[in-house]
């Protein structure tokens, strides 16, 4: 199982709405994530500066991303979420995140 941690930067002016949207994630988006191998998926937000840290486990990140890329609901969700983030350079949030290097794991 691949453990994946990543970061994104939420625009400070959108923090409240970003949190609200994640309290109401679309059921078909949740189903698509489960079906494509995104497990133990969590998002952590620093409300002081908008730093967003994501964590997930998946058998294969590239396969999980490809599975989501093939889903219409993901295209809608990513387009809806893109304005919330800084520095994506035209990428969708699920393609523009910076993956962090794991340097320690206590099993």
PDB file of N, CA and C in Angstrom:
ATOM      1  N   UNK A   1       0.851  -1.183   0.000  1.00  0.00           N
ATOM      2  CA  UNK A   1       0.000   0.000   0.000  1.00  0.00           C
ATOM      3  C   UNK A   1       0.891   1.238   0.000  1.00  0.00           C
ATOM      4  N   UNK A   2       0.609   2.131  -0.901  1.00  0.00           N
ATOM      5  CA  UNK A   2       1.350   3.383  -0.995  1.00  0.00           C
ATOM      6  C   UNK A   2       0.717   4.409  -0.047  1.00  0.00           C
ATOM      7  N   UNK A   3       1.528   5.028   0.794  1.00  0.00           N
ATOM      8  CA  UNK A   3       1.074   6.123   1.650  1.00  0.00           C
ATOM      9  C   UNK A   3       1.493   7.421   0.972  1.00  0.00           C
ATOM     10  N   UNK A   4       0.535   8.321   0.777  1.00  0.00           N
ATOM     11  CA  UNK A   4       0.784   9.541   0.018  1.00  0.00           C
ATOM     12  C   UNK A   4       0.401  10.740   0.871  1.00  0.00           C
ATOM     13  N   UNK A   5       1.332  11.672   0.986  1.00  0.00           N
ATOM     14  CA  UNK A   5       1.051  12.941   1.656  1.00  0.00           C
ATOM     15  C   UNK A   5       1.349  14.048   0.659  1.00  0.00           C
ATOM     16  N   UNK A   6       0.498  15.053   0.617  1.00  0.00           N
ATOM     17  CA  UNK A   6       0.685  16.141  -0.333  1.00  0.00           C
ATOM     18  C   UNK A   6       0.248  17.460   0.284  1.00  0.00           C
ATOM     19  N   UNK A   7       0.664  18.527  -0.370  1.00  0.00           N
ATOM     20  CA  UNK A   7       0.247  19.846   0.093  1.00  0.00           C
ATOM     21  C   UNK A   7      -0.277  20.684  -1.062  1.00  0.00           C
ATOM     22  N   UNK A   8      -1.173  21.569  -0.689  1.00  0.00           N
ATOM     23  CA  UNK A   8      -1.704  22.597  -1.571  1.00  0.00           C
ATOM     24  C   UNK A   8      -1.863  23.860  -0.733  1.00  0.00           C
ATOM     25  N   UNK A   9      -2.088  24.977  -1.385  1.00  0.00           N
ATOM     26  CA  UNK A   9      -2.277  26.231  -0.677  1.00  0.00           C
ATOM     27  C   UNK A   9      -3.662  26.789  -1.010  1.00  0.00           C
ATOM     28  N   UNK A  10      -4.522  26.847  -0.011  1.00  0.00           N
ATOM     29  CA  UNK A  10      -5.864  27.410  -0.185  1.00  0.00           C
ATOM     30  C   UNK A  10      -5.771  28.922  -0.026  1.00  0.00           C
ATOM     31  N   UNK A  11      -6.425  29.628  -0.899  1.00  0.00           N
ATOM     32  CA  UNK A  11      -6.446  31.098  -0.807  1.00  0.00           C
ATOM     33  C   UNK A  11      -7.138  31.500   0.496  1.00  0.00           C
ATOM     34  N   UNK A  12      -6.513  32.409   1.213  1.00  0.00           N
ATOM     35  CA  UNK A  12      -7.026  32.796   2.533  1.00  0.00           C
ATOM     36  C   UNK A  12      -8.469  33.291   2.467  1.00  0.00           C
ATOM     37  N   UNK A  13      -8.807  33.995   1.407  1.00  0.00           N
ATOM     38  CA  UNK A  13     -10.164  34.552   1.304  1.00  0.00           C
ATOM     39  C   UNK A  13     -11.218  33.471   1.052  1.00  0.00           C
ATOM     40  N   UNK A  14     -10.787  32.237   0.763  1.00  0.00           N
ATOM     41  CA  UNK A  14     -11.727  31.153   0.472  1.00  0.00           C
ATOM     42  C   UNK A  14     -11.751  30.058   1.543  1.00  0.00           C
ATOM     43  N   UNK A  15     -11.066  30.266   2.650  1.00  0.00           N
ATOM     44  CA  UNK A  15     -10.942  29.210   3.652  1.00  0.00           C
ATOM     45  C   UNK A  15     -12.287  28.724   4.178  1.00  0.00           C
ATOM     46  N   UNK A  16     -13.155  29.628   4.560  1.00  0.00           N
ATOM     47  CA  UNK A  16     -14.443  29.246   5.141  1.00  0.00           C
ATOM     48  C   UNK A  16     -15.269  28.439   4.153  1.00  0.00           C
ATOM     49  N   UNK A  17     -15.321  28.898   2.919  1.00  0.00           N
ATOM     50  CA  UNK A  17     -16.107  28.187   1.905  1.00  0.00           C
ATOM     51  C   UNK A  17     -15.476  26.843   1.556  1.00  0.00           C
ATOM     52  N   UNK A  18     -14.158  26.774   1.526  1.00  0.00           N
ATOM     53  CA  UNK A  18     -13.478  25.511   1.237  1.00  0.00           C
ATOM     54  C   UNK A  18     -13.832  24.466   2.296  1.00  0.00           C
ATOM     55  N   UNK A  19     -13.796  24.864   3.554  1.00  0.00           N
ATOM     56  CA  UNK A  19     -14.165  23.947   4.639  1.00  0.00           C
ATOM     57  C   UNK A  19     -15.623  23.525   4.490  1.00  0.00           C
ATOM     58  N   UNK A  20     -16.502  24.477   4.218  1.00  0.00           N
ATOM     59  CA  UNK A  20     -17.927  24.156   4.063  1.00  0.00           C
ATOM     60  C   UNK A  20     -18.154  23.148   2.944  1.00  0.00           C
ATOM     61  N   UNK A  21     -17.484  23.324   1.829  1.00  0.00           N
ATOM     62  CA  UNK A  21     -17.659  22.407   0.700  1.00  0.00           C
ATOM     63  C   UNK A  21     -17.231  20.986   1.064  1.00  0.00           C
ATOM     64  N   UNK A  22     -16.250  20.864   1.936  1.00  0.00           N
ATOM     65  CA  UNK A  22     -15.788  19.527   2.315  1.00  0.00           C
ATOM     66  C   UNK A  22     -16.635  18.891   3.412  1.00  0.00           C
ATOM     67  N   UNK A  23     -17.567  19.644   3.938  1.00  0.00           N
ATOM     68  CA  UNK A  23     -18.559  19.075   4.841  1.00  0.00           C
ATOM     69  C   UNK A  23     -19.734  18.515   4.049  1.00  0.00           C
ATOM     70  N   UNK A  24     -19.755  18.818   2.745  1.00  0.00           N
ATOM     71  CA  UNK A  24     -20.852  18.398   1.861  1.00  0.00           C
ATOM     72  C   UNK A  24     -20.321  17.820   0.560  1.00  0.00           C
ATOM     73  N   UNK A  25     -19.274  16.983   0.640  1.00  0.00           N
ATOM     74  CA  UNK A  25     -18.726  16.386  -0.585  1.00  0.00           C
ATOM     75  C   UNK A  25     -19.817  15.569  -1.270  1.00  0.00           C
ATOM     76  N   UNK A  26     -19.912  15.728  -2.567  1.00  0.00           N
ATOM     77  CA  UNK A  26     -20.951  15.050  -3.333  1.00  0.00           C
ATOM     78  C   UNK A  26     -20.855  13.537  -3.145  1.00  0.00           C
ATOM     79  N   UNK A  27     -21.980  12.871  -2.919  1.00  0.00           N
ATOM     80  CA  UNK A  27     -21.962  11.407  -2.752  1.00  0.00           C
ATOM     81  C   UNK A  27     -21.327  10.666  -3.922  1.00  0.00           C
ATOM     82  N   UNK A  28     -21.558  11.134  -5.162  1.00  0.00           N
ATOM     83  CA  UNK A  28     -20.958  10.447  -6.305  1.00  0.00           C
ATOM     84  C   UNK A  28     -19.443  10.659  -6.375  1.00  0.00           C
ATOM     85  N   UNK A  29     -18.954  11.771  -5.808  1.00  0.00           N
ATOM     86  CA  UNK A  29     -17.509  11.981  -5.727  1.00  0.00           C
ATOM     87  C   UNK A  29     -16.904  11.029  -4.692  1.00  0.00           C
ATOM     88  N   UNK A  30     -17.553  10.895  -3.552  1.00  0.00           N
ATOM     89  CA  UNK A  30     -17.075   9.964  -2.522  1.00  0.00           C
ATOM     90  C   UNK A  30     -17.039   8.537  -3.055  1.00  0.00           C
ATOM     91  N   UNK A  31     -18.072   8.160  -3.773  1.00  0.00           N
ATOM     92  CA  UNK A  31     -18.130   6.815  -4.356  1.00  0.00           C
ATOM     93  C   UNK A  31     -17.003   6.606  -5.362  1.00  0.00           C
ATOM     94  N   UNK A  32     -16.764   7.595  -6.206  1.00  0.00           N
ATOM     95  CA  UNK A  32     -15.697   7.482  -7.205  1.00  0.00           C
ATOM     96  C   UNK A  32     -14.335   7.324  -6.534  1.00  0.00           C
ATOM     97  N   UNK A  33     -14.087   8.083  -5.475  1.00  0.00           N
ATOM     98  CA  UNK A  33     -12.813   7.955  -4.755  1.00  0.00           C
ATOM     99  C   UNK A  33     -12.646   6.543  -4.207  1.00  0.00           C
ATOM    100  N   UNK A  34     -13.684   6.029  -3.584  1.00  0.00           N
ATOM    101  CA  UNK A  34     -13.614   4.668  -3.038  1.00  0.00           C
ATOM    102  C   UNK A  34     -13.367   3.633  -4.135  1.00  0.00           C
ATOM    103  N   UNK A  35     -14.085   3.784  -5.238  1.00  0.00           N
ATOM    104  CA  UNK A  35     -14.000   2.803  -6.329  1.00  0.00           C
ATOM    105  C   UNK A  35     -12.651   2.826  -7.048  1.00  0.00           C
ATOM    106  N   UNK A  36     -11.932   3.930  -6.968  1.00  0.00           N
ATOM    107  CA  UNK A  36     -10.656   4.044  -7.680  1.00  0.00           C
ATOM    108  C   UNK A  36      -9.449   3.879  -6.764  1.00  0.00           C
ATOM    109  N   UNK A  37      -9.695   3.490  -5.507  1.00  0.00           N
ATOM    110  CA  UNK A  37      -8.587   3.124  -4.639  1.00  0.00           C
ATOM    111  C   UNK A  37      -8.049   4.181  -3.707  1.00  0.00           C
ATOM    112  N   UNK A  38      -8.803   5.234  -3.460  1.00  0.00           N
ATOM    113  CA  UNK A  38      -8.386   6.268  -2.503  1.00  0.00           C
ATOM    114  C   UNK A  38      -8.937   5.866  -1.140  1.00  0.00           C
ATOM    115  N   UNK A  39      -8.070   5.431  -0.231  1.00  0.00           N
ATOM    116  CA  UNK A  39      -8.517   5.006   1.093  1.00  0.00           C
ATOM    117  C   UNK A  39      -7.817   5.809   2.174  1.00  0.00           C
ATOM    118  N   UNK A  40      -8.433   5.805   3.357  1.00  0.00           N
ATOM    119  CA  UNK A  40      -7.896   6.566   4.494  1.00  0.00           C
ATOM    120  C   UNK A  40      -7.491   7.972   4.066  1.00  0.00           C
ATOM    121  N   UNK A  41      -8.349   8.598   3.273  1.00  0.00           N
ATOM    122  CA  UNK A  41      -8.075   9.919   2.699  1.00  0.00           C
ATOM    123  C   UNK A  41      -8.495  10.989   3.700  1.00  0.00           C
ATOM    124  N   UNK A  42      -7.554  11.850   4.046  1.00  0.00           N
ATOM    125  CA  UNK A  42      -7.812  12.941   4.983  1.00  0.00           C
ATOM    126  C   UNK A  42      -7.222  14.233   4.450  1.00  0.00           C
ATOM    127  N   UNK A  43      -7.861  15.341   4.810  1.00  0.00           N
ATOM    128  CA  UNK A  43      -7.327  16.673   4.520  1.00  0.00           C
ATOM    129  C   UNK A  43      -7.191  17.419   5.838  1.00  0.00           C
ATOM    130  N   UNK A  44      -6.084  18.126   5.997  1.00  0.00           N
ATOM    131  CA  UNK A  44      -5.813  18.918   7.192  1.00  0.00           C
ATOM    132  C   UNK A  44      -5.511  20.343   6.745  1.00  0.00           C
ATOM    133  N   UNK A  45      -6.141  21.312   7.383  1.00  0.00           N
ATOM    134  CA  UNK A  45      -6.014  22.713   6.972  1.00  0.00           C
ATOM    135  C   UNK A  45      -5.504  23.563   8.120  1.00  0.00           C
ATOM    136  N   UNK A  46      -4.491  24.388   7.843  1.00  0.00           N
ATOM    137  CA  UNK A  46      -4.044  25.393   8.803  1.00  0.00           C
ATOM    138  C   UNK A  46      -4.829  26.665   8.505  1.00  0.00           C
ATOM    139  N   UNK A  47      -5.777  27.025   9.373  1.00  0.00           N
ATOM    140  CA  UNK A  47      -6.620  28.186   9.083  1.00  0.00           C
ATOM    141  C   UNK A  47      -5.885  29.516   9.174  1.00  0.00           C
ATOM    142  N   UNK A  48      -4.674  29.516   9.711  1.00  0.00           N
ATOM    143  CA  UNK A  48      -3.947  30.779   9.816  1.00  0.00           C
ATOM    144  C   UNK A  48      -3.336  31.211   8.487  1.00  0.00           C
ATOM    145  N   UNK A  49      -3.016  30.242   7.612  1.00  0.00           N
ATOM    146  CA  UNK A  49      -2.380  30.619   6.351  1.00  0.00           C
ATOM    147  C   UNK A  49      -2.898  29.857   5.130  1.00  0.00           C
ATOM    148  N   UNK A  50      -3.794  28.884   5.323  1.00  0.00           N
ATOM    149  CA  UNK A  50      -4.374  28.152   4.197  1.00  0.00           C
ATOM    150  C   UNK A  50      -3.570  26.952   3.731  1.00  0.00           C
ATOM    151  N   UNK A  51      -2.532  26.577   4.475  1.00  0.00           N
ATOM    152  CA  UNK A  51      -1.776  25.385   4.097  1.00  0.00           C
ATOM    153  C   UNK A  51      -2.673  24.164   4.247  1.00  0.00           C
ATOM    154  N   UNK A  52      -2.778  23.390   3.175  1.00  0.00           N
ATOM    155  CA  UNK A  52      -3.602  22.186   3.161  1.00  0.00           C
ATOM    156  C   UNK A  52      -2.683  20.982   3.000  1.00  0.00           C
ATOM    157  N   UNK A  53      -2.808  20.029   3.905  1.00  0.00           N
ATOM    158  CA  UNK A  53      -2.057  18.784   3.836  1.00  0.00           C
ATOM    159  C   UNK A  53      -3.054  17.660   3.616  1.00  0.00           C
ATOM    160  N   UNK A  54      -2.797  16.843   2.621  1.00  0.00           N
ATOM    161  CA  UNK A  54      -3.639  15.693   2.337  1.00  0.00           C
ATOM    162  C   UNK A  54      -2.872  14.411   2.584  1.00  0.00           C
ATOM    163  N   UNK A  55      -3.599  13.384   2.988  1.00  0.00           N
ATOM    164  CA  UNK A  55      -2.998  12.071   3.200  1.00  0.00           C
ATOM    165  C   UNK A  55      -3.970  11.027   2.672  1.00  0.00           C
ATOM    166  N   UNK A  56      -3.426  10.028   1.983  1.00  0.00           N
ATOM    167  CA  UNK A  56      -4.239   8.914   1.520  1.00  0.00           C
ATOM    168  C   UNK A  56      -3.384   7.670   1.410  1.00  0.00           C
ATOM    169  N   UNK A  57      -4.045   6.550   1.351  1.00  0.00           N
ATOM    170  CA  UNK A  57      -3.391   5.279   1.087  1.00  0.00           C
ATOM    171  C   UNK A  57      -4.058   4.683  -0.140  1.00  0.00           C
ATOM    172  N   UNK A  58      -3.236   4.078  -0.980  1.00  0.00           N
ATOM    173  CA  UNK A  58      -3.742   3.499  -2.216  1.00  0.00           C
ATOM    174  C   UNK A  58      -2.770   2.430  -2.706  1.00  0.00           C
ATOM    175  N   UNK A  59      -3.260   1.407  -3.373  1.00  0.00           N
ATOM    176  CA  UNK A  59      -2.339   0.415  -3.926  1.00  0.00           C
ATOM    177  C   UNK A  59      -1.383   1.020  -4.961  1.00  0.00           C
ATOM    178  N   UNK A  60      -1.842   2.046  -5.695  1.00  0.00           N
ATOM    179  CA  UNK A  60      -1.041   2.625  -6.772  1.00  0.00           C
ATOM    180  C   UNK A  60      -1.568   4.031  -7.049  1.00  0.00           C
ATOM    181  N   UNK A  61      -0.807   5.055  -6.683  1.00  0.00           N
ATOM    182  CA  UNK A  61      -1.272   6.429  -6.847  1.00  0.00           C
ATOM    183  C   UNK A  61      -1.564   6.764  -8.301  1.00  0.00           C
ATOM    184  N   UNK A  62      -0.690   6.374  -9.195  1.00  0.00           N
ATOM    185  CA  UNK A  62      -0.926   6.715 -10.606  1.00  0.00           C
ATOM    186  C   UNK A  62      -2.198   6.061 -11.130  1.00  0.00           C
ATOM    187  N   UNK A  63      -2.451   4.829 -10.737  1.00  0.00           N
ATOM    188  CA  UNK A  63      -3.688   4.158 -11.150  1.00  0.00           C
ATOM    189  C   UNK A  63      -4.905   4.820 -10.512  1.00  0.00           C
ATOM    190  N   UNK A  64      -4.785   5.219  -9.253  1.00  0.00           N
ATOM    191  CA  UNK A  64      -5.892   5.895  -8.571  1.00  0.00           C
ATOM    192  C   UNK A  64      -6.193   7.238  -9.234  1.00  0.00           C
ATOM    193  N   UNK A  65      -5.155   7.982  -9.584  1.00  0.00           N
ATOM    194  CA  UNK A  65      -5.351   9.264 -10.270  1.00  0.00           C
ATOM    195  C   UNK A  65      -5.948   9.060 -11.658  1.00  0.00           C
ATOM    196  N   UNK A  66      -5.476   8.043 -12.369  1.00  0.00           N
ATOM    197  CA  UNK A  66      -6.015   7.759 -13.699  1.00  0.00           C
ATOM    198  C   UNK A  66      -7.477   7.339 -13.617  1.00  0.00           C
ATOM    199  N   UNK A  67      -7.803   6.553 -12.608  1.00  0.00           N
ATOM    200  CA  UNK A  67      -9.194   6.151 -12.419  1.00  0.00           C
ATOM    201  C   UNK A  67     -10.098   7.344 -12.191  1.00  0.00           C
ATOM    202  N   UNK A  68      -9.628   8.284 -11.379  1.00  0.00           N
ATOM    203  CA  UNK A  68     -10.434   9.485 -11.127  1.00  0.00           C
ATOM    204  C   UNK A  68     -10.510  10.365 -12.368  1.00  0.00           C
ATOM    205  N   UNK A  69      -9.415  10.448 -13.109  1.00  0.00           N
ATOM    206  CA  UNK A  69      -9.401  11.276 -14.320  1.00  0.00           C
ATOM    207  C   UNK A  69     -10.440  10.815 -15.337  1.00  0.00           C
ATOM    208  N   UNK A  70     -10.797   9.546 -15.276  1.00  0.00           N
ATOM    209  CA  UNK A  70     -11.793   8.998 -16.208  1.00  0.00           C
ATOM    210  C   UNK A  70     -13.227   9.230 -15.754  1.00  0.00           C
ATOM    211  N   UNK A  71     -13.408   9.787 -14.576  1.00  0.00           N
ATOM    212  CA  UNK A  71     -14.751  10.000 -14.024  1.00  0.00           C
ATOM    213  C   UNK A  71     -15.231  11.420 -14.289  1.00  0.00           C
ATOM    214  N   UNK A  72     -16.414  11.525 -14.813  1.00  0.00           N
ATOM    215  CA  UNK A  72     -17.012  12.840 -15.088  1.00  0.00           C
ATOM    216  C   UNK A  72     -17.177  13.647 -13.815  1.00  0.00           C
ATOM    217  N   UNK A  73     -17.548  12.994 -12.727  1.00  0.00           N
ATOM    218  CA  UNK A  73     -17.744  13.708 -11.470  1.00  0.00           C
ATOM    219  C   UNK A  73     -16.444  14.355 -11.006  1.00  0.00           C
ATOM    220  N   UNK A  74     -15.323  13.713 -11.256  1.00  0.00           N
ATOM    221  CA  UNK A  74     -14.046  14.294 -10.861  1.00  0.00           C
ATOM    222  C   UNK A  74     -13.748  15.559 -11.651  1.00  0.00           C
ATOM    223  N   UNK A  75     -14.041  15.549 -12.938  1.00  0.00           N
ATOM    224  CA  UNK A  75     -13.828  16.750 -13.749  1.00  0.00           C
ATOM    225  C   UNK A  75     -14.642  17.916 -13.189  1.00  0.00           C
ATOM    226  N   UNK A  76     -15.889  17.646 -12.830  1.00  0.00           N
ATOM    227  CA  UNK A  76     -16.736  18.702 -12.256  1.00  0.00           C
ATOM    228  C   UNK A  76     -16.189  19.184 -10.915  1.00  0.00           C
ATOM    229  N   UNK A  77     -15.800  18.230 -10.053  1.00  0.00           N
ATOM    230  CA  UNK A  77     -15.295  18.585  -8.717  1.00  0.00           C
ATOM    231  C   UNK A  77     -14.001  19.397  -8.829  1.00  0.00           C
ATOM    232  N   UNK A  78     -13.079  18.954  -9.663  1.00  0.00           N
ATOM    233  CA  UNK A  78     -11.804  19.660  -9.798  1.00  0.00           C
ATOM    234  C   UNK A  78     -12.008  21.071 -10.346  1.00  0.00           C
ATOM    235  N   UNK A  79     -12.905  21.217 -11.310  1.00  0.00           N
ATOM    236  CA  UNK A  79     -13.200  22.546 -11.849  1.00  0.00           C
ATOM    237  C   UNK A  79     -13.825  23.440 -10.781  1.00  0.00           C
ATOM    238  N   UNK A  80     -14.662  22.862  -9.946  1.00  0.00           N
ATOM    239  CA  UNK A  80     -15.314  23.600  -8.873  1.00  0.00           C
ATOM    240  C   UNK A  80     -14.308  24.017  -7.794  1.00  0.00           C
ATOM    241  N   UNK A  81     -13.321  23.178  -7.529  1.00  0.00           N
ATOM    242  CA  UNK A  81     -12.339  23.434  -6.469  1.00  0.00           C
ATOM    243  C   UNK A  81     -11.165  24.297  -6.911  1.00  0.00           C
ATOM    244  N   UNK A  82     -10.831  24.302  -8.186  1.00  0.00           N
ATOM    245  CA  UNK A  82      -9.631  24.992  -8.672  1.00  0.00           C
ATOM    246  C   UNK A  82      -9.519  26.450  -8.208  1.00  0.00           C
ATOM    247  N   UNK A  83     -10.601  27.239  -8.213  1.00  0.00           N
ATOM    248  CA  UNK A  83     -10.456  28.640  -7.801  1.00  0.00           C
ATOM    249  C   UNK A  83     -10.062  28.831  -6.330  1.00  0.00           C
ATOM    250  N   UNK A  84     -10.175  27.798  -5.527  1.00  0.00           N
ATOM    251  CA  UNK A  84      -9.837  27.908  -4.115  1.00  0.00           C
ATOM    252  C   UNK A  84      -8.329  27.901  -3.867  1.00  0.00           C
ATOM    253  N   UNK A  85      -7.540  27.482  -4.856  1.00  0.00           N
ATOM    254  CA  UNK A  85      -6.117  27.248  -4.643  1.00  0.00           C
ATOM    255  C   UNK A  85      -5.221  28.267  -5.307  1.00  0.00           C
ATOM    256  N   UNK A  86      -4.034  28.448  -4.705  1.00  0.00           N
ATOM    257  CA  UNK A  86      -2.981  29.270  -5.280  1.00  0.00           C
ATOM    258  C   UNK A  86      -2.008  28.379  -6.044  1.00  0.00           C
ATOM    259  N   UNK A  87      -1.337  28.955  -7.027  1.00  0.00           N
ATOM    260  CA  UNK A  87      -0.170  28.375  -7.690  1.00  0.00           C
ATOM    261  C   UNK A  87      -0.400  26.998  -8.316  1.00  0.00           C
ATOM    262  N   UNK A  88      -1.505  26.815  -9.006  1.00  0.00           N
ATOM    263  CA  UNK A  88      -1.721  25.550  -9.708  1.00  0.00           C
ATOM    264  C   UNK A  88      -1.203  25.582 -11.141  1.00  0.00           C
ATOM    265  N   UNK A  89      -0.896  26.767 -11.641  1.00  0.00           N
ATOM    266  CA  UNK A  89      -0.366  26.915 -13.000  1.00  0.00           C
ATOM    267  C   UNK A  89      -1.217  26.216 -14.043  1.00  0.00           C
ATOM    268  N   UNK A  90      -2.526  26.348 -13.921  1.00  0.00           N
ATOM    269  CA  UNK A  90      -3.442  25.775 -14.899  1.00  0.00           C
ATOM    270  C   UNK A  90      -3.787  24.314 -14.693  1.00  0.00           C
ATOM    271  N   UNK A  91      -3.196  23.675 -13.695  1.00  0.00           N
ATOM    272  CA  UNK A  91      -3.498  22.273 -13.417  1.00  0.00           C
ATOM    273  C   UNK A  91      -4.714  22.157 -12.502  1.00  0.00           C
ATOM    274  N   UNK A  92      -5.403  21.034 -12.594  1.00  0.00           N
ATOM    275  CA  UNK A  92      -6.472  20.736 -11.641  1.00  0.00           C
ATOM    276  C   UNK A  92      -5.822  20.441 -10.288  1.00  0.00           C
ATOM    277  N   UNK A  93      -6.533  20.689  -9.184  1.00  0.00           N
ATOM    278  CA  UNK A  93      -5.940  20.436  -7.868  1.00  0.00           C
ATOM    279  C   UNK A  93      -5.383  19.030  -7.692  1.00  0.00           C
ATOM    280  N   UNK A  94      -6.056  18.023  -8.250  1.00  0.00           N
ATOM    281  CA  UNK A  94      -5.565  16.654  -8.078  1.00  0.00           C
ATOM    282  C   UNK A  94      -4.347  16.344  -8.941  1.00  0.00           C
ATOM    283  N   UNK A  95      -3.988  17.257  -9.821  1.00  0.00           N
ATOM    284  CA  UNK A  95      -2.768  17.114 -10.617  1.00  0.00           C
ATOM    285  C   UNK A  95      -1.690  18.103 -10.164  1.00  0.00           C
ATOM    286  N   UNK A  96      -2.089  19.164  -9.494  1.00  0.00           N
ATOM    287  CA  UNK A  96      -1.157  20.222  -9.131  1.00  0.00           C
ATOM    288  C   UNK A  96      -0.627  20.161  -7.716  1.00  0.00           C
ATOM    289  N   UNK A  97      -1.020  19.142  -6.964  1.00  0.00           N
ATOM    290  CA  UNK A  97      -0.518  19.082  -5.596  1.00  0.00           C
ATOM    291  C   UNK A  97       0.951  18.671  -5.565  1.00  0.00           C
ATOM    292  N   UNK A  98       1.646  19.113  -4.527  1.00  0.00           N
ATOM    293  CA  UNK A  98       3.042  18.758  -4.329  1.00  0.00           C
ATOM    294  C   UNK A  98       3.119  17.570  -3.388  1.00  0.00           C
ATOM    295  N   UNK A  99       3.596  16.458  -3.898  1.00  0.00           N
ATOM    296  CA  UNK A  99       3.735  15.268  -3.065  1.00  0.00           C
ATOM    297  C   UNK A  99       4.932  15.449  -2.139  1.00  0.00           C
ATOM    298  N   UNK A 100       4.736  15.109  -0.875  1.00  0.00           N
ATOM    299  CA  UNK A 100       5.792  15.229   0.123  1.00  0.00           C
ATOM    300  C   UNK A 100       6.509  13.900   0.279  1.00  0.00           C
ATOM    301  N   UNK A 101       7.789  13.970   0.563  1.00  0.00           N
ATOM    302  CA  UNK A 101       8.610  12.781   0.735  1.00  0.00           C
ATOM    303  C   UNK A 101       8.422  12.210   2.137  1.00  0.00           C
ATOM    304  N   UNK A 102       8.125  10.923   2.212  1.00  0.00           N
ATOM    305  CA  UNK A 102       8.035  10.258   3.510  1.00  0.00           C
ATOM    306  C   UNK A 102       9.455   9.980   3.989  1.00  0.00           C
ATOM    307  N   UNK A 103       9.775  10.423   5.195  1.00  0.00           N
ATOM    308  CA  UNK A 103      11.109  10.190   5.730  1.00  0.00           C
ATOM    309  C   UNK A 103      11.108   9.312   6.984  1.00  0.00           C
ATOM    310  N   UNK A 104       9.911   9.040   7.535  1.00  0.00           N
ATOM    311  CA  UNK A 104       9.825   8.181   8.709  1.00  0.00           C
ATOM    312  C   UNK A 104       8.434   7.564   8.774  1.00  0.00           C
ATOM    313  N   UNK A 105       8.386   6.310   9.209  1.00  0.00           N
ATOM    314  CA  UNK A 105       7.107   5.626   9.392  1.00  0.00           C
ATOM    315  C   UNK A 105       7.254   4.650  10.541  1.00  0.00           C
ATOM    316  N   UNK A 106       6.371   4.753  11.521  1.00  0.00           N
ATOM    317  CA  UNK A 106       6.334   3.829  12.633  1.00  0.00           C
ATOM    318  C   UNK A 106       5.180   2.879  12.415  1.00  0.00           C
ATOM    319  N   UNK A 107       5.478   1.647  12.079  1.00  0.00           N
ATOM    320  CA  UNK A 107       4.439   0.655  11.805  1.00  0.00           C
ATOM    321  C   UNK A 107       3.852   0.123  13.103  1.00  0.00           C
TER     322      UNK A 107
END
